[in-house]
PDB file of N, CA and C in Angstrom:
ATOM      1  N   CYS A   1      85.363 151.245 176.514  1.00  0.00           N
ATOM      2  CA  CYS A   1      84.106 151.415 176.935  1.00  0.00           C
ATOM      3  C   CYS A   1      83.171 150.365 176.540  1.00  0.00           C
ATOM      4  N   LEU A   2      82.353 149.887 177.556  1.00  0.00           N
ATOM      5  CA  LEU A   2      81.487 148.970 177.421  1.00  0.00           C
ATOM      6  C   LEU A   2      79.933 149.070 177.573  1.00  0.00           C
ATOM      7  N   ASP A   3      79.314 148.821 176.470  1.00  0.00           N
ATOM      8  CA  ASP A   3      77.676 149.527 176.399  1.00  0.00           C
ATOM      9  C   ASP A   3      77.035 148.080 176.531  1.00  0.00           C
ATOM     10  N   THR A   4      76.413 147.986 177.785  1.00  0.00           N
ATOM     11  CA  THR A   4      75.793 146.645 178.345  1.00  0.00           C
ATOM     12  C   THR A   4      74.455 146.386 177.539  1.00  0.00           C
ATOM     13  N   SER A   5      73.796 147.471 176.886  1.00  0.00           N
ATOM     14  CA  SER A   5      72.579 147.487 176.181  1.00  0.00           C
ATOM     15  C   SER A   5      72.614 146.566 175.159  1.00  0.00           C
ATOM     16  N   LYS A   6      74.065 146.368 174.584  1.00  0.00           N
ATOM     17  CA  LYS A   6      74.151 145.272 173.492  1.00  0.00           C
ATOM     18  C   LYS A   6      74.169 143.953 173.708  1.00  0.00           C
ATOM     19  N   PHE A   7      74.416 143.628 175.186  1.00  0.00           N
ATOM     20  CA  PHE A   7      74.274 142.370 175.338  1.00  0.00           C
ATOM     21  C   PHE A   7      72.941 141.411 175.281  1.00  0.00           C
ATOM     22  N   ASN A   8      73.055 140.227 174.829  1.00  0.00           N
ATOM     23  CA  ASN A   8      71.987 139.504 174.308  1.00  0.00           C
ATOM     24  C   ASN A   8      71.405 138.547 175.476  1.00  0.00           C
ATOM     25  N   ARG A   9      72.538 138.364 176.784  1.00  0.00           N
ATOM     26  CA  ARG A   9      72.416 137.592 177.808  1.00  0.00           C
ATOM     27  C   ARG A   9      73.066 138.271 179.183  1.00  0.00           C
ATOM     28  N   GLU A  10      72.625 137.713 180.207  1.00  0.00           N
ATOM     29  CA  GLU A  10      73.173 138.436 181.429  1.00  0.00           C
ATOM     30  C   GLU A  10      74.665 137.960 181.245  1.00  0.00           C
ATOM     31  N   ILE A  11      75.806 138.800 181.935  1.00  0.00           N
ATOM     32  CA  ILE A  11      76.854 138.497 181.843  1.00  0.00           C
ATOM     33  C   ILE A  11      77.313 138.760 183.458  1.00  0.00           C
ATOM     34  N   SER A  12      78.345 137.868 184.176  1.00  0.00           N
ATOM     35  CA  SER A  12      78.539 137.809 185.464  1.00  0.00           C
ATOM     36  C   SER A  12      80.134 137.928 185.367  1.00  0.00           C
ATOM     37  N   LEU A  13      80.684 138.899 185.972  1.00  0.00           N
ATOM     38  CA  LEU A  13      81.944 139.375 186.094  1.00  0.00           C
ATOM     39  C   LEU A  13      82.726 138.835 187.470  1.00  0.00           C
ATOM     40  N   LEU A  14      83.759 138.191 187.578  1.00  0.00           N
ATOM     41  CA  LEU A  14      84.498 137.934 188.885  1.00  0.00           C
ATOM     42  C   LEU A  14      85.338 139.176 189.088  1.00  0.00           C
ATOM     43  N   PRO A  15      85.557 139.223 190.456  1.00  0.00           N
ATOM     44  CA  PRO A  15      86.337 140.560 191.070  1.00  0.00           C
ATOM     45  C   PRO A  15      87.659 140.828 190.253  1.00  0.00           C
ATOM     46  N   ALA A  16      88.410 139.694 189.780  1.00  0.00           N
ATOM     47  CA  ALA A  16      89.729 139.874 189.202  1.00  0.00           C
ATOM     48  C   ALA A  16      89.390 140.197 187.596  1.00  0.00           C
ATOM     49  N   THR A  17      88.431 140.198 187.214  1.00  0.00           N
ATOM     50  CA  THR A  17      88.098 140.316 185.774  1.00  0.00           C
ATOM     51  C   THR A  17      89.253 141.647 184.917  1.00  0.00           C
ATOM     52  N   LEU A  18      89.278 142.547 185.771  1.00  0.00           N
ATOM     53  CA  LEU A  18      90.078 143.922 185.318  1.00  0.00           C
ATOM     54  C   LEU A  18      91.373 144.110 185.991  1.00  0.00           C
ATOM     55  N   SER A  19      91.578 143.366 186.909  1.00  0.00           N
ATOM     56  CA  SER A  19      92.628 143.542 187.568  1.00  0.00           C
ATOM     57  C   SER A  19      94.277 143.330 186.991  1.00  0.00           C
ATOM     58  N   LYS A  20      94.347 142.470 185.933  1.00  0.00           N
ATOM     59  CA  LYS A  20      95.495 142.163 185.196  1.00  0.00           C
ATOM     60  C   LYS A  20      95.576 143.306 184.090  1.00  0.00           C
ATOM     61  N   MET A  21      94.615 144.229 184.226  1.00  0.00           N
ATOM     62  CA  MET A  21      94.602 145.120 182.814  1.00  0.00           C
ATOM     63  C   MET A  21      95.222 146.441 183.200  1.00  0.00           C
ATOM     64  N   CYS A  22      96.477 146.258 183.813  1.00  0.00           N
ATOM     65  CA  CYS A  22      97.460 147.505 184.331  1.00  0.00           C
ATOM     66  C   CYS A  22      97.527 148.678 183.391  1.00  0.00           C
ATOM     67  N   GLU A  23      97.138 148.647 181.843  1.00  0.00           N
ATOM     68  CA  GLU A  23      97.462 149.731 181.286  1.00  0.00           C
ATOM     69  C   GLU A  23      96.137 150.697 181.035  1.00  0.00           C
ATOM     70  N   LEU A  24      94.989 149.912 181.656  1.00  0.00           N
ATOM     71  CA  LEU A  24      93.653 150.401 181.492  1.00  0.00           C
ATOM     72  C   LEU A  24      93.622 151.795 182.479  1.00  0.00           C
ATOM     73  N   ARG A  25      93.184 153.059 181.880  1.00  0.00           N
ATOM     74  CA  ARG A  25      93.134 154.193 182.400  1.00  0.00           C
ATOM     75  C   ARG A  25      91.674 154.601 182.109  1.00  0.00           C
ATOM     76  N   LEU A  26      90.941 154.336 181.367  1.00  0.00           N
ATOM     77  CA  LEU A  26      89.304 154.872 181.097  1.00  0.00           C
ATOM     78  C   LEU A  26      88.359 153.413 180.980  1.00  0.00           C
ATOM     79  N   LEU A  27      87.451 153.639 182.109  1.00  0.00           N
ATOM     80  CA  LEU A  27      86.550 152.781 182.033  1.00  0.00           C
ATOM     81  C   LEU A  27      85.177 153.344 182.143  1.00  0.00           C
ATOM     82  N   LYS A  28      84.371 152.951 180.909  1.00  0.00           N
ATOM     83  CA  LYS A  28      83.141 153.504 180.944  1.00  0.00           C
ATOM     84  C   LYS A  28      82.313 152.367 180.572  1.00  0.00           C
ATOM     85  N   ILE A  29      81.390 152.221 181.670  1.00  0.00           N
ATOM     86  CA  ILE A  29      80.328 151.292 181.516  1.00  0.00           C
ATOM     87  C   ILE A  29      78.745 151.847 181.323  1.00  0.00           C
ATOM     88  N   THR A  30      78.113 151.814 180.242  1.00  0.00           N
ATOM     89  CA  THR A  30      76.821 152.339 179.968  1.00  0.00           C
ATOM     90  C   THR A  30      75.912 151.305 179.638  1.00  0.00           C
ATOM     91  N   GLY A  31      74.669 151.829 179.413  1.00  0.00           N
ATOM     92  CA  GLY A  31      73.707 150.620 179.168  1.00  0.00           C
ATOM     93  C   GLY A  31      72.836 150.218 180.842  1.00  0.00           C
ATOM     94  N   THR A  32      71.812 149.409 180.618  1.00  0.00           N
ATOM     95  CA  THR A  32      71.262 149.060 182.008  1.00  0.00           C
ATOM     96  C   THR A  32      71.193 147.524 181.923  1.00  0.00           C
ATOM     97  N   GLY A  33      71.583 147.275 183.332  1.00  0.00           N
ATOM     98  CA  GLY A  33      71.267 145.932 183.301  1.00  0.00           C
ATOM     99  C   GLY A  33      72.264 145.016 182.802  1.00  0.00           C
ATOM    100  N   LYS A  34      72.066 143.633 182.673  1.00  0.00           N
ATOM    101  CA  LYS A  34      72.561 142.592 182.220  1.00  0.00           C
ATOM    102  C   LYS A  34      74.153 142.318 182.709  1.00  0.00           C
ATOM    103  N   LEU A  35      74.660 143.441 183.634  1.00  0.00           N
ATOM    104  CA  LEU A  35      75.876 142.943 184.004  1.00  0.00           C
ATOM    105  C   LEU A  35      75.915 142.826 185.839  1.00  0.00           C
ATOM    106  N   TYR A  36      76.216 141.584 185.903  1.00  0.00           N
ATOM    107  CA  TYR A  36      76.372 141.215 187.548  1.00  0.00           C
ATOM    108  C   TYR A  36      77.577 141.082 188.009  1.00  0.00           C
ATOM    109  N   LEU A  37      77.545 141.284 189.392  1.00  0.00           N
ATOM    110  CA  LEU A  37      78.732 141.004 190.148  1.00  0.00           C
ATOM    111  C   LEU A  37      78.417 140.164 191.382  1.00  0.00           C
ATOM    112  N   PRO A  38      78.143 138.885 191.112  1.00  0.00           N
ATOM    113  CA  PRO A  38      77.795 137.897 192.143  1.00  0.00           C
ATOM    114  C   PRO A  38      78.857 137.777 193.122  1.00  0.00           C
ATOM    115  N   GLN A  39      80.241 137.975 192.846  1.00  0.00           N
ATOM    116  CA  GLN A  39      80.960 137.471 193.908  1.00  0.00           C
ATOM    117  C   GLN A  39      81.668 138.774 194.788  1.00  0.00           C
ATOM    118  N   GLY A  40      81.202 139.863 194.382  1.00  0.00           N
ATOM    119  CA  GLY A  40      81.736 141.211 194.616  1.00  0.00           C
ATOM    120  C   GLY A  40      82.381 142.293 194.038  1.00  0.00           C
ATOM    121  N   PRO A  41      82.758 143.362 194.441  1.00  0.00           N
ATOM    122  CA  PRO A  41      83.299 144.260 193.815  1.00  0.00           C
ATOM    123  C   PRO A  41      84.340 143.775 192.681  1.00  0.00           C
ATOM    124  N   LEU A  42      84.445 144.492 191.474  1.00  0.00           N
ATOM    125  CA  LEU A  42      85.839 144.478 190.759  1.00  0.00           C
ATOM    126  C   LEU A  42      86.834 145.062 191.336  1.00  0.00           C
ATOM    127  N   ILE A  43      88.048 144.612 191.135  1.00  0.00           N
ATOM    128  CA  ILE A  43      89.144 145.144 191.423  1.00  0.00           C
ATOM    129  C   ILE A  43      89.756 145.655 190.256  1.00  0.00           C
ATOM    130  N   PHE A  44      89.708 147.175 190.455  1.00  0.00           N
ATOM    131  CA  PHE A  44      90.114 148.243 189.467  1.00  0.00           C
ATOM    132  C   PHE A  44      91.553 148.161 189.515  1.00  0.00           C
ATOM    133  N   PRO A  45      92.416 148.437 188.276  1.00  0.00           N
ATOM    134  CA  PRO A  45      93.622 148.535 188.289  1.00  0.00           C
ATOM    135  C   PRO A  45      93.970 149.941 188.597  1.00  0.00           C
ATOM    136  N   ASP A  46      95.302 149.897 189.179  1.00  0.00           N
ATOM    137  CA  ASP A  46      95.584 151.036 190.315  1.00  0.00           C
ATOM    138  C   ASP A  46      95.592 152.316 189.479  1.00  0.00           C
ATOM    139  N   GLY A  47      96.158 152.008 187.986  1.00  0.00           N
ATOM    140  CA  GLY A  47      96.495 153.464 187.165  1.00  0.00           C
ATOM    141  C   GLY A  47      95.169 154.050 186.515  1.00  0.00           C
ATOM    142  N   LEU A  48      93.946 153.254 187.020  1.00  0.00           N
ATOM    143  CA  LEU A  48      92.577 153.845 186.490  1.00  0.00           C
ATOM    144  C   LEU A  48      92.507 155.319 186.580  1.00  0.00           C
ATOM    145  N   ARG A  49      92.274 156.226 185.561  1.00  0.00           N
ATOM    146  CA  ARG A  49      91.885 157.648 185.866  1.00  0.00           C
ATOM    147  C   ARG A  49      91.007 158.207 185.467  1.00  0.00           C
ATOM    148  N   TYR A  50      89.807 157.459 184.937  1.00  0.00           N
ATOM    149  CA  TYR A  50      88.528 157.598 184.813  1.00  0.00           C
ATOM    150  C   TYR A  50      87.577 156.467 184.899  1.00  0.00           C
ATOM    151  N   LEU A  51      86.557 156.536 185.824  1.00  0.00           N
ATOM    152  CA  LEU A  51      85.710 155.494 185.895  1.00  0.00           C
ATOM    153  C   LEU A  51      84.257 155.908 185.553  1.00  0.00           C
ATOM    154  N   GLN A  52      83.264 155.646 184.848  1.00  0.00           N
ATOM    155  CA  GLN A  52      82.191 155.867 184.983  1.00  0.00           C
ATOM    156  C   GLN A  52      81.179 154.826 184.678  1.00  0.00           C
ATOM    157  N   TRP A  53      80.175 154.732 185.675  1.00  0.00           N
ATOM    158  CA  TRP A  53      79.459 153.673 185.682  1.00  0.00           C
ATOM    159  C   TRP A  53      78.269 153.749 186.356  1.00  0.00           C
ATOM    160  N   HIS A  54      76.992 154.102 185.359  1.00  0.00           N
ATOM    161  CA  HIS A  54      75.945 154.591 185.760  1.00  0.00           C
ATOM    162  C   HIS A  54      75.380 153.552 186.358  1.00  0.00           C
ATOM    163  N   GLY A  55      74.621 153.455 187.476  1.00  0.00           N
ATOM    164  CA  GLY A  55      73.624 152.007 187.673  1.00  0.00           C
ATOM    165  C   GLY A  55      74.664 151.055 188.322  1.00  0.00           C
ATOM    166  N   TYR A  56      75.807 151.580 188.647  1.00  0.00           N
ATOM    167  CA  TYR A  56      76.684 150.750 189.557  1.00  0.00           C
ATOM    168  C   TYR A  56      75.615 149.786 190.707  1.00  0.00           C
ATOM    169  N   PRO A  57      75.850 148.117 190.536  1.00  0.00           N
ATOM    170  CA  PRO A  57      75.078 147.614 191.415  1.00  0.00           C
ATOM    171  C   PRO A  57      75.521 147.445 192.626  1.00  0.00           C
ATOM    172  N   LEU A  58      76.617 147.598 193.117  1.00  0.00           N
ATOM    173  CA  LEU A  58      76.902 147.356 194.491  1.00  0.00           C
ATOM    174  C   LEU A  58      76.867 148.819 195.286  1.00  0.00           C
ATOM    175  N   LYS A  59      77.062 148.450 196.702  1.00  0.00           N
ATOM    176  CA  LYS A  59      76.917 149.530 197.584  1.00  0.00           C
ATOM    177  C   LYS A  59      78.670 149.973 197.951  1.00  0.00           C
ATOM    178  N   SER A  60      79.611 149.509 197.471  1.00  0.00           N
ATOM    179  CA  SER A  60      80.770 149.713 197.782  1.00  0.00           C
ATOM    180  C   SER A  60      81.834 149.324 196.682  1.00  0.00           C
ATOM    181  N   LEU A  61      82.994 149.907 196.667  1.00  0.00           N
ATOM    182  CA  LEU A  61      83.895 149.723 195.815  1.00  0.00           C
ATOM    183  C   LEU A  61      84.821 148.745 196.177  1.00  0.00           C
ATOM    184  N   SER A  62      85.818 147.887 195.516  1.00  0.00           N
ATOM    185  CA  SER A  62      86.618 147.156 196.279  1.00  0.00           C
ATOM    186  C   SER A  62      87.492 147.909 197.127  1.00  0.00           C
ATOM    187  N   THR A  63      87.890 146.866 198.271  1.00  0.00           N
ATOM    188  CA  THR A  63      88.776 147.705 199.246  1.00  0.00           C
ATOM    189  C   THR A  63      90.243 147.452 198.840  1.00  0.00           C
ATOM    190  N   ASN A  64      90.375 146.909 197.645  1.00  0.00           N
ATOM    191  CA  ASN A  64      92.008 146.730 197.027  1.00  0.00           C
ATOM    192  C   ASN A  64      92.299 147.847 196.161  1.00  0.00           C
ATOM    193  N   PHE A  65      91.038 148.606 196.016  1.00  0.00           N
ATOM    194  CA  PHE A  65      91.311 149.822 194.863  1.00  0.00           C
ATOM    195  C   PHE A  65      92.244 150.998 195.556  1.00  0.00           C
ATOM    196  N   ALA A  66      93.301 151.091 194.989  1.00  0.00           N
ATOM    197  CA  ALA A  66      94.129 152.368 195.249  1.00  0.00           C
ATOM    198  C   ALA A  66      93.893 153.328 194.484  1.00  0.00           C
ATOM    199  N   ALA A  67      93.004 154.306 194.638  1.00  0.00           N
ATOM    200  CA  ALA A  67      92.456 155.337 193.623  1.00  0.00           C
ATOM    201  C   ALA A  67      93.442 156.423 193.615  1.00  0.00           C
ATOM    202  N   GLU A  68      94.770 156.236 193.622  1.00  0.00           N
ATOM    203  CA  GLU A  68      95.871 157.675 193.705  1.00  0.00           C
ATOM    204  C   GLU A  68      95.718 158.180 192.280  1.00  0.00           C
ATOM    205  N   MET A  69      95.385 157.512 191.146  1.00  0.00           N
ATOM    206  CA  MET A  69      95.442 158.239 189.799  1.00  0.00           C
ATOM    207  C   MET A  69      94.138 158.775 189.302  1.00  0.00           C
ATOM    208  N   LEU A  70      92.668 158.356 190.193  1.00  0.00           N
ATOM    209  CA  LEU A  70      91.784 158.770 189.674  1.00  0.00           C
ATOM    210  C   LEU A  70      91.569 159.953 189.825  1.00  0.00           C
ATOM    211  N   VAL A  71      90.955 160.741 188.635  1.00  0.00           N
ATOM    212  CA  VAL A  71      90.573 161.971 188.102  1.00  0.00           C
ATOM    213  C   VAL A  71      88.974 162.528 188.458  1.00  0.00           C
ATOM    214  N   ILE A  72      88.392 161.430 187.649  1.00  0.00           N
ATOM    215  CA  ILE A  72      87.128 161.218 187.617  1.00  0.00           C
ATOM    216  C   ILE A  72      86.150 160.386 188.243  1.00  0.00           C
ATOM    217  N   LEU A  73      85.294 160.304 188.857  1.00  0.00           N
ATOM    218  CA  LEU A  73      84.729 159.144 189.110  1.00  0.00           C
ATOM    219  C   LEU A  73      83.175 159.569 189.055  1.00  0.00           C
ATOM    220  N   ASP A  74      82.498 158.961 188.127  1.00  0.00           N
ATOM    221  CA  ASP A  74      81.022 159.575 187.820  1.00  0.00           C
ATOM    222  C   ASP A  74      79.976 157.878 188.031  1.00  0.00           C
ATOM    223  N   MET A  75      79.460 157.792 189.359  1.00  0.00           N
ATOM    224  CA  MET A  75      78.638 156.821 189.229  1.00  0.00           C
ATOM    225  C   MET A  75      77.155 157.194 189.664  1.00  0.00           C
ATOM    226  N   ARG A  76      76.774 157.778 188.902  1.00  0.00           N
ATOM    227  CA  ARG A  76      75.158 158.578 188.933  1.00  0.00           C
ATOM    228  C   ARG A  76      74.434 157.309 188.821  1.00  0.00           C
ATOM    229  N   GLY A  77      73.259 157.511 189.635  1.00  0.00           N
ATOM    230  CA  GLY A  77      72.201 156.243 189.769  1.00  0.00           C
ATOM    231  C   GLY A  77      72.696 154.830 190.074  1.00  0.00           C
ATOM    232  N   SER A  78      73.834 154.809 190.906  1.00  0.00           N
ATOM    233  CA  SER A  78      74.293 153.797 191.279  1.00  0.00           C
ATOM    234  C   SER A  78      73.902 153.485 192.785  1.00  0.00           C
ATOM    235  N   GLN A  79      74.184 152.111 193.324  1.00  0.00           N
ATOM    236  CA  GLN A  79      73.819 151.677 194.708  1.00  0.00           C
ATOM    237  C   GLN A  79      75.032 152.160 195.453  1.00  0.00           C
ATOM    238  N   LEU A  80      75.839 152.808 195.173  1.00  0.00           N
ATOM    239  CA  LEU A  80      77.010 153.166 195.992  1.00  0.00           C
ATOM    240  C   LEU A  80      76.933 153.973 197.195  1.00  0.00           C
ATOM    241  N   GLU A  81      77.341 153.400 198.112  1.00  0.00           N
ATOM    242  CA  GLU A  81      77.077 154.326 199.478  1.00  0.00           C
ATOM    243  C   GLU A  81      78.398 154.645 200.119  1.00  0.00           C
ATOM    244  N   LYS A  82      79.424 153.507 199.704  1.00  0.00           N
ATOM    245  CA  LYS A  82      80.982 153.698 200.293  1.00  0.00           C
ATOM    246  C   LYS A  82      81.816 153.506 199.530  1.00  0.00           C
ATOM    247  N   LEU A  83      82.794 154.469 199.196  1.00  0.00           N
ATOM    248  CA  LEU A  83      83.855 154.167 198.318  1.00  0.00           C
ATOM    249  C   LEU A  83      84.928 153.377 198.587  1.00  0.00           C
ATOM    250  N   TRP A  84      85.574 153.426 199.650  1.00  0.00           N
ATOM    251  CA  TRP A  84      86.692 152.700 200.496  1.00  0.00           C
ATOM    252  C   TRP A  84      86.809 152.820 201.618  1.00  0.00           C
ATOM    253  N   GLU A  85      87.495 152.139 202.525  1.00  0.00           N
ATOM    254  CA  GLU A  85      88.121 152.054 203.892  1.00  0.00           C
ATOM    255  C   GLU A  85      89.022 152.802 203.996  1.00  0.00           C
ATOM    256  N   GLY A  86      89.041 153.925 205.174  1.00  0.00           N
ATOM    257  CA  GLY A  86      90.482 154.726 205.423  1.00  0.00           C
ATOM    258  C   GLY A  86      90.574 155.914 204.578  1.00  0.00           C
ATOM    259  N   VAL A  87      91.619 156.392 204.290  1.00  0.00           N
ATOM    260  CA  VAL A  87      91.767 157.650 203.875  1.00  0.00           C
ATOM    261  C   VAL A  87      92.855 157.277 202.674  1.00  0.00           C
ATOM    262  N   GLN A  88      92.290 157.852 201.552  1.00  0.00           N
ATOM    263  CA  GLN A  88      92.984 157.622 200.091  1.00  0.00           C
ATOM    264  C   GLN A  88      93.972 158.958 199.871  1.00  0.00           C
ATOM    265  N   VAL A  89      94.937 158.805 199.114  1.00  0.00           N
ATOM    266  CA  VAL A  89      95.642 160.201 198.660  1.00  0.00           C
ATOM    267  C   VAL A  89      94.920 160.770 197.679  1.00  0.00           C
TER     268      VAL A  89
END
């Protein structure tokens, strides 16, 4: 869980920031602002089962995200328009 309201300054994340966290199953990002993705969407680990990110700032998720294990996707208040390309299992 990451509460961005506790940040003292803006934080920029690179797309590969979370990709090596292969054991990551739950990702909950709360708070408003101060978290930016200047180089595009994050690459989430394929084993991710729960993703909550209210206010997600981009219009799509990474095309590299295979959401086969994803059970809950909660993106309320986000700019999200498109989840991914093609058909997901």
